[in-house]
Amino acid sequence: MTNKRLTKDDWVLAGFRALVQQGPQALKAEPLARALATTKGSFYWHFKDVPSFHTAMLLYWERHALDGIITLVETEGTPVASLRKLAQVAVSHDDPAYGGKHAEPAIRAWARSDPAVSKAVAEVDAKRLAYLQKLLTQCGVSNPELARALYAASLGMEELSTRDNADNQNAIGTLVDLILALR
């Protein structure tokens, strides 16, 4: 067993790694405790039950994949620079502690079989689309369908990269350039 005192985030990050490697069936106290070389008691110290653990994972994902990225993007100097940065981050985010580039596709796959996860994904998608539309509007692009198309392209590129390991920064950059040319 581990001597290190685990935090709530240690468990959540282990959950994302397990989700990516083994799917949602691995998101239970016992297999996660084995992976972390600790006891189930540590899990239940941090979480009331498995559903509260799942909720913690989804809240972490929202903070990490929405709020954290928006904060990063807003450090750019102009709306165009922010849009470009957002597009690049969306297709290149690869944090191994969080499950790497496979985390988001794994969450979306989990959402197909769990209504609570599906609801969380829909909420994040709506917030991301609203933010993307806001950026496009600031760039002088008013057609809301372009936000949806750009978002769908970034999700698809992320999914493709889990299979072919391609770097999609140039492809998403080209799409952003095409959309900005429509101004």
Protein backbone atom coordinates (compact mmCIF):
# COMPACT_ATOMS: atom_id res chain seq x y z
CA MET A 1 0.00 0.00 0.00
CA THR A 2 1.05 3.57 -0.61
CA ASN A 3 2.35 5.77 2.20
CA LYS A 4 1.39 8.94 0.35
CA ARG A 5 -1.82 10.59 1.50
CA LEU A 6 -4.04 10.77 -1.56
CA THR A 7 -6.11 13.83 -2.35
CA LYS A 8 -9.52 14.03 -3.95
CA ASP A 9 -7.82 15.15 -7.18
CA ASP A 10 -5.49 12.10 -7.09
CA TRP A 11 -8.59 9.89 -7.15
CA VAL A 12 -10.27 11.96 -9.87
CA LEU A 13 -7.19 11.88 -12.10
CA ALA A 14 -6.89 8.12 -11.54
CA GLY A 15 -10.53 7.92 -12.59
CA PHE A 16 -9.80 9.64 -15.90
CA ARG A 17 -6.83 7.35 -16.57
CA ALA A 18 -9.02 4.32 -15.78
CA LEU A 19 -11.81 5.65 -17.99
CA VAL A 20 -9.41 6.05 -20.91
CA GLN A 21 -7.74 2.67 -20.42
CA GLN A 22 -10.65 0.46 -19.36
CA GLY A 23 -13.91 2.35 -19.80
CA PRO A 24 -16.58 3.44 -17.32
CA GLN A 25 -16.82 0.01 -15.68
CA ALA A 26 -13.42 0.76 -14.07
CA LEU A 27 -14.82 3.81 -12.23
CA LYS A 28 -15.43 2.01 -8.96
CA ALA A 29 -13.69 2.12 -5.59
CA GLU A 30 -12.03 -1.29 -5.68
CA PRO A 31 -10.29 -1.16 -9.09
CA LEU A 32 -9.23 2.44 -8.53
CA ALA A 33 -7.82 1.59 -5.09
CA ARG A 34 -5.81 -1.24 -6.65
CA ALA A 35 -4.48 1.09 -9.34
CA LEU A 36 -3.44 3.60 -6.68
CA ALA A 37 -2.03 0.89 -4.38
CA THR A 38 -4.25 1.91 -1.50
CA THR A 39 -7.45 0.84 0.24
CA LYS A 40 -11.08 1.50 -0.60
CA GLY A 41 -11.24 3.36 2.72
CA SER A 42 -9.22 6.17 1.16
CA PHE A 43 -11.79 6.39 -1.64
CA TYR A 44 -14.67 6.61 0.83
CA TRP A 45 -12.77 9.20 2.86
CA HIS A 46 -13.07 11.54 -0.11
CA PHE A 47 -16.36 10.42 -1.70
CA LYS A 48 -19.68 9.43 -0.19
CA ASP A 49 -20.22 6.82 -2.90
CA VAL A 50 -19.36 6.01 -6.51
CA PRO A 51 -21.98 8.41 -7.98
CA SER A 52 -20.47 11.30 -5.98
CA PHE A 53 -17.08 10.28 -7.37
CA HIS A 54 -18.51 10.42 -10.90
CA THR A 55 -19.89 13.89 -10.14
CA ALA A 56 -16.46 15.00 -8.91
CA MET A 57 -14.90 13.72 -12.14
CA LEU A 58 -17.40 15.64 -14.26
CA LEU A 59 -16.90 18.85 -12.26
CA TYR A 60 -13.13 18.47 -12.62
CA TRP A 61 -13.53 17.94 -16.36
CA GLU A 62 -15.69 21.06 -16.64
CA ARG A 63 -13.16 23.16 -14.74
CA HIS A 64 -10.25 21.70 -16.67
CA ALA A 65 -11.74 21.53 -20.16
CA LEU A 66 -13.87 24.65 -20.07
CA ASP A 67 -12.97 27.22 -17.44
CA GLY A 68 -9.23 26.51 -17.52
CA ILE A 69 -9.05 26.75 -21.30
CA ILE A 70 -11.11 29.95 -21.42
CA THR A 71 -8.77 31.51 -18.84
CA LEU A 72 -5.78 30.48 -20.95
CA VAL A 73 -7.32 31.76 -24.20
CA GLU A 74 -8.30 35.11 -22.73
CA THR A 75 -4.63 35.96 -22.12
CA GLU A 76 -4.29 36.55 -25.87
CA GLY A 77 -4.35 40.15 -27.01
CA THR A 78 -7.13 40.15 -29.58
CA PRO A 79 -10.29 38.16 -30.34
CA VAL A 80 -8.62 36.71 -33.46
CA ALA A 81 -5.59 35.58 -31.41
CA SER A 82 -7.94 34.15 -28.77
CA LEU A 83 -9.89 32.24 -31.43
CA ARG A 84 -6.71 30.81 -32.92
CA LYS A 85 -5.42 29.81 -29.48
CA LEU A 86 -8.74 28.20 -28.57
CA ALA A 87 -8.75 26.15 -31.77
CA GLN A 88 -5.16 25.00 -31.25
CA VAL A 89 -5.71 24.07 -27.60
CA ALA A 90 -8.90 22.19 -28.49
CA VAL A 91 -7.09 19.84 -30.86
CA SER A 92 -3.75 19.52 -29.11
CA HIS A 93 -4.49 19.22 -25.39
CA ASP A 94 -2.56 16.21 -24.10
CA ASP A 95 -2.20 16.10 -20.31
CA PRO A 96 -1.14 12.55 -19.34
CA ALA A 97 -2.15 13.09 -15.69
CA TYR A 98 -5.71 13.66 -16.92
CA GLY A 99 -5.87 10.80 -19.39
CA GLY A 100 -4.12 12.52 -22.26
CA LYS A 101 -5.78 13.30 -25.56
CA HIS A 102 -8.04 10.30 -25.09
CA ALA A 103 -9.89 11.77 -22.08
CA GLU A 104 -12.50 13.79 -23.92
CA PRO A 105 -13.44 11.03 -26.39
CA ALA A 106 -13.67 8.61 -23.43
CA ILE A 107 -15.99 11.00 -21.57
CA ARG A 108 -18.18 11.31 -24.67
CA ALA A 109 -18.31 7.52 -25.03
CA TRP A 110 -19.28 7.24 -21.34
CA ALA A 111 -22.04 9.80 -21.94
CA ARG A 112 -23.72 7.46 -24.42
CA SER A 113 -24.50 5.01 -21.62
CA ASP A 114 -24.97 7.29 -18.59
CA PRO A 115 -27.70 9.97 -18.50
CA ALA A 116 -25.91 12.07 -15.85
CA VAL A 117 -22.72 12.14 -17.92
CA SER A 118 -24.75 12.89 -21.05
CA LYS A 119 -26.32 15.86 -19.28
CA ALA A 120 -22.91 17.15 -18.15
CA VAL A 121 -21.48 16.82 -21.67
CA ALA A 122 -24.48 18.67 -23.12
CA GLU A 123 -24.00 21.50 -20.60
CA VAL A 124 -20.28 21.79 -21.38
CA ASP A 125 -21.00 21.69 -25.11
CA ALA A 126 -23.55 24.51 -24.75
CA LYS A 127 -21.10 26.66 -22.77
CA ARG A 128 -18.29 25.98 -25.23
CA LEU A 129 -20.50 26.82 -28.19
CA ALA A 130 -21.66 30.04 -26.54
CA TYR A 131 -18.06 31.06 -25.84
CA LEU A 132 -16.98 30.16 -29.37
CA GLN A 133 -19.89 32.15 -30.81
CA LYS A 134 -18.90 35.12 -28.63
CA LEU A 135 -15.33 34.96 -29.94
CA LEU A 136 -16.47 34.66 -33.55
CA THR A 137 -18.82 37.62 -33.10
CA GLN A 138 -15.95 39.65 -31.66
CA CYS A 139 -13.96 38.69 -34.78
CA GLY A 140 -16.78 39.98 -37.00
CA VAL A 141 -18.25 36.56 -37.89
CA SER A 142 -21.95 36.53 -37.06
CA ASN A 143 -23.23 33.27 -38.57
CA PRO A 144 -23.90 30.95 -35.56
CA GLU A 145 -23.67 27.88 -37.79
CA LEU A 146 -19.95 28.53 -38.19
CA ALA A 147 -19.42 28.20 -34.43
CA ARG A 148 -21.17 24.86 -34.52
CA ALA A 149 -19.17 23.70 -37.55
CA LEU A 150 -15.86 24.75 -35.99
CA TYR A 151 -16.74 23.06 -32.70
CA ALA A 152 -17.81 19.85 -34.45
CA ALA A 153 -14.61 19.86 -36.49
CA SER A 154 -12.48 20.20 -33.36
CA LEU A 155 -14.34 17.31 -31.68
CA GLY A 156 -13.92 15.16 -34.76
CA MET A 157 -10.23 15.97 -35.05
CA GLU A 158 -9.76 15.07 -31.40
CA GLU A 159 -11.47 11.74 -32.00
CA LEU A 160 -9.40 11.03 -35.12
CA SER A 161 -6.18 11.79 -33.26
CA THR A 162 -6.94 9.05 -30.76
CA ARG A 163 -6.62 6.63 -33.68
CA ASP A 164 -3.94 8.10 -35.95
CA ASN A 165 -1.97 10.38 -33.57
CA ALA A 166 -2.06 13.15 -36.17
CA ASP A 167 -1.31 16.71 -35.13
CA ASN A 168 -4.38 18.73 -36.11
CA GLN A 169 -3.07 22.22 -35.39
CA ASN A 170 -2.53 23.03 -39.06
CA ALA A 171 -5.91 21.60 -40.08
CA ILE A 172 -7.84 23.53 -37.42
CA GLY A 173 -5.77 26.64 -38.22
CA THR A 174 -6.79 26.36 -41.87
CA LEU A 175 -10.44 26.05 -40.87
CA VAL A 176 -10.17 29.12 -38.62
CA ASP A 177 -8.55 31.03 -41.48
CA LEU A 178 -11.39 30.04 -43.83
CA ILE A 179 -14.02 31.14 -41.33
CA LEU A 180 -12.24 34.44 -40.69
CA ALA A 181 -12.03 35.04 -44.44
CA LEU A 182 -15.85 35.08 -44.50
CA ARG A 183 -15.96 38.30 -42.48
